[in-house]
Amino acid sequence: MAMGSLSDSEDDFNPEINTTPLVDVMLVLLIIFIITIPVMNHSVNIDLPRASSQPELNKPENINLSIDAQGQMYWNKELVGLEQLHERIAEAAKKNPQPELHLRAERTTQYEKVAQVMAAAQSGGLGKIGFVTDPKGN
């Protein structure tokens, strides 16, 4: 008589699952995790620098530069030519903190005029240029 079989014949298939290899693998993994977890918990003490942030009391002024459909430029609502624009940009770039140039152009303005203003701002040393748009299209 055979032990553990459901039928009398010894050639029949044994439907029981052998869980011994599974238990062996799980025990090995458990031992590996028990060994490696304390190694992973070691921390390195780093002496980080302390930073103090102070609010910027001096707000830079904004320069509003408008370009109309005919290509005329207005520096804070004052009509300027291209030569005057270069001079004013160079003068504004020397200020500390440096002002931000807010560029507003009409929808029908030629892109060449906008590109000239951006090139003048870059060559003059202004680092911050903002584009002002009207989402309603007025």
Protein backbone atom coordinates (compact mmCIF):
# COMPACT_ATOMS: atom_id res chain seq x y z
CA MET A 1 0.00 0.00 0.00
CA ALA A 2 1.45 3.36 -1.07
CA MET A 3 1.35 6.28 1.28
CA GLY A 4 -0.27 9.52 0.13
CA SER A 5 -1.98 8.25 -2.99
CA LEU A 6 -5.70 8.52 -3.61
CA SER A 7 -6.03 5.46 -5.75
CA ASP A 8 -4.79 1.90 -5.59
CA SER A 9 -2.76 2.06 -8.76
CA GLU A 10 0.80 3.44 -8.47
CA ASP A 11 0.93 4.78 -12.06
CA ASP A 12 -1.80 7.37 -11.48
CA PHE A 13 -1.07 11.10 -11.48
CA ASN A 14 -0.55 12.68 -8.04
CA PRO A 15 -2.73 15.85 -7.88
CA GLU A 16 -1.05 17.24 -4.72
CA ILE A 17 1.21 20.30 -5.08
CA ASN A 18 4.66 19.96 -3.63
CA THR A 19 5.21 23.14 -1.60
CA THR A 20 8.59 22.22 -0.16
CA PRO A 21 10.65 24.09 -2.83
CA LEU A 22 8.42 27.14 -2.42
CA VAL A 23 8.94 27.18 1.35
CA ASP A 24 12.71 26.79 0.84
CA VAL A 25 12.84 29.77 -1.51
CA MET A 26 10.75 31.89 0.85
CA LEU A 27 13.02 31.07 3.79
CA VAL A 28 16.11 31.99 1.77
CA LEU A 29 14.52 35.32 0.77
CA LEU A 30 13.53 35.98 4.37
CA ILE A 31 17.10 35.42 5.53
CA ILE A 32 18.45 37.67 2.77
CA PHE A 33 16.06 40.47 3.75
CA ILE A 34 16.88 40.09 7.44
CA ILE A 35 20.57 40.50 6.63
CA THR A 36 20.27 43.38 4.12
CA ILE A 37 17.72 45.64 5.85
CA PRO A 38 20.07 46.78 8.67
CA VAL A 39 22.70 47.62 6.04
CA MET A 40 20.22 49.82 4.15
CA ASN A 41 19.24 51.74 7.29
CA HIS A 42 22.70 53.16 7.89
CA SER A 43 22.54 56.87 7.24
CA VAL A 44 25.25 59.35 6.45
CA ASN A 45 25.15 62.56 8.44
CA ILE A 46 25.57 65.59 6.22
CA ASP A 47 26.14 69.03 7.60
CA LEU A 48 23.95 71.15 5.30
CA PRO A 49 24.44 74.90 5.10
CA ARG A 50 21.81 77.15 6.59
CA ALA A 51 20.19 79.61 4.22
CA SER A 52 18.30 82.70 5.17
CA SER A 53 16.07 84.29 2.63
CA GLN A 54 15.27 87.95 2.85
CA PRO A 55 12.45 89.44 0.82
CA GLU A 56 13.65 91.66 -1.96
CA LEU A 57 12.84 95.15 -0.81
CA ASN A 58 13.85 96.86 -4.01
CA LYS A 59 11.43 95.88 -6.75
CA PRO A 60 12.75 96.49 -10.25
CA GLU A 61 10.72 98.77 -12.43
CA ASN A 62 9.02 97.46 -15.54
CA ILE A 63 9.55 99.07 -18.91
CA ASN A 64 6.46 98.97 -21.10
CA LEU A 65 7.46 98.97 -24.74
CA SER A 66 4.58 99.02 -27.21
CA ILE A 67 4.76 98.61 -30.97
CA ASP A 68 1.80 99.66 -33.06
CA ALA A 69 0.74 98.32 -36.46
CA GLN A 70 2.83 100.96 -38.31
CA GLY A 71 5.97 99.90 -36.43
CA GLN A 72 6.22 102.94 -34.16
CA MET A 73 7.66 102.17 -30.73
CA TYR A 74 6.50 103.68 -27.45
CA TRP A 75 8.77 103.53 -24.37
CA ASN A 76 6.39 103.92 -21.42
CA LYS A 77 3.88 105.69 -23.71
CA GLU A 78 6.57 108.00 -25.14
CA LEU A 79 7.33 107.75 -28.85
CA VAL A 80 10.95 106.68 -29.50
CA GLY A 81 12.97 105.85 -32.59
CA LEU A 82 15.31 102.88 -33.04
CA GLU A 83 18.42 104.87 -32.06
CA GLN A 84 16.75 106.23 -28.93
CA LEU A 85 15.61 102.68 -28.12
CA HIS A 86 19.21 101.41 -28.17
CA GLU A 87 20.30 104.25 -25.88
CA ARG A 88 17.47 103.69 -23.40
CA ILE A 89 18.01 99.94 -23.32
CA ALA A 90 21.72 100.43 -22.60
CA GLU A 91 20.83 102.92 -19.87
CA ALA A 92 18.24 100.57 -18.33
CA ALA A 93 20.65 97.61 -18.41
CA LYS A 94 23.03 99.49 -16.09
CA LYS A 95 20.42 99.81 -13.34
CA ASN A 96 20.49 97.53 -10.33
CA PRO A 97 18.18 95.62 -10.08
CA GLN A 98 17.76 95.36 -13.79
CA PRO A 99 14.25 96.21 -15.02
CA GLU A 100 12.10 93.82 -17.02
CA LEU A 101 11.07 94.80 -20.53
CA HIS A 102 7.36 94.19 -21.18
CA LEU A 103 6.87 94.03 -24.93
CA ARG A 104 3.38 94.59 -26.31
CA ALA A 105 2.76 94.52 -30.05
CA GLU A 106 -0.43 94.81 -32.04
CA ARG A 107 -1.62 91.72 -33.87
CA THR A 108 -0.88 93.23 -37.28
CA THR A 109 2.63 94.44 -36.39
CA GLN A 110 5.36 93.10 -38.64
CA TYR A 111 7.50 90.49 -36.92
CA GLU A 112 10.61 92.29 -38.15
CA LYS A 113 9.93 95.16 -35.72
CA VAL A 114 9.48 92.76 -32.82
CA ALA A 115 12.71 90.97 -33.77
CA GLN A 116 14.57 94.30 -33.92
CA VAL A 117 13.42 95.18 -30.40
CA MET A 118 14.41 91.74 -29.06
CA ALA A 119 17.83 92.00 -30.73
CA ALA A 120 18.31 95.50 -29.30
CA ALA A 121 17.41 94.28 -25.82
CA GLN A 122 19.81 91.35 -26.08
CA SER A 123 22.70 93.39 -27.42
CA GLY A 124 21.99 96.16 -24.89
CA GLY A 125 22.23 93.75 -21.97
CA LEU A 126 18.64 93.43 -20.80
CA GLY A 127 18.15 89.89 -19.60
CA LYS A 128 14.42 89.79 -18.91
CA ILE A 129 11.87 90.26 -21.65
CA GLY A 130 8.18 89.59 -21.14
CA PHE A 131 5.56 89.42 -23.88
CA VAL A 132 2.24 91.03 -23.01
CA THR A 133 -0.69 89.57 -24.92
CA ASP A 134 -4.39 90.26 -25.10
CA PRO A 135 -6.23 86.94 -25.19
CA LYS A 136 -9.47 88.58 -26.31
CA GLY A 137 -7.80 89.98 -29.44
CA ASN A 138 -8.91 93.58 -28.87
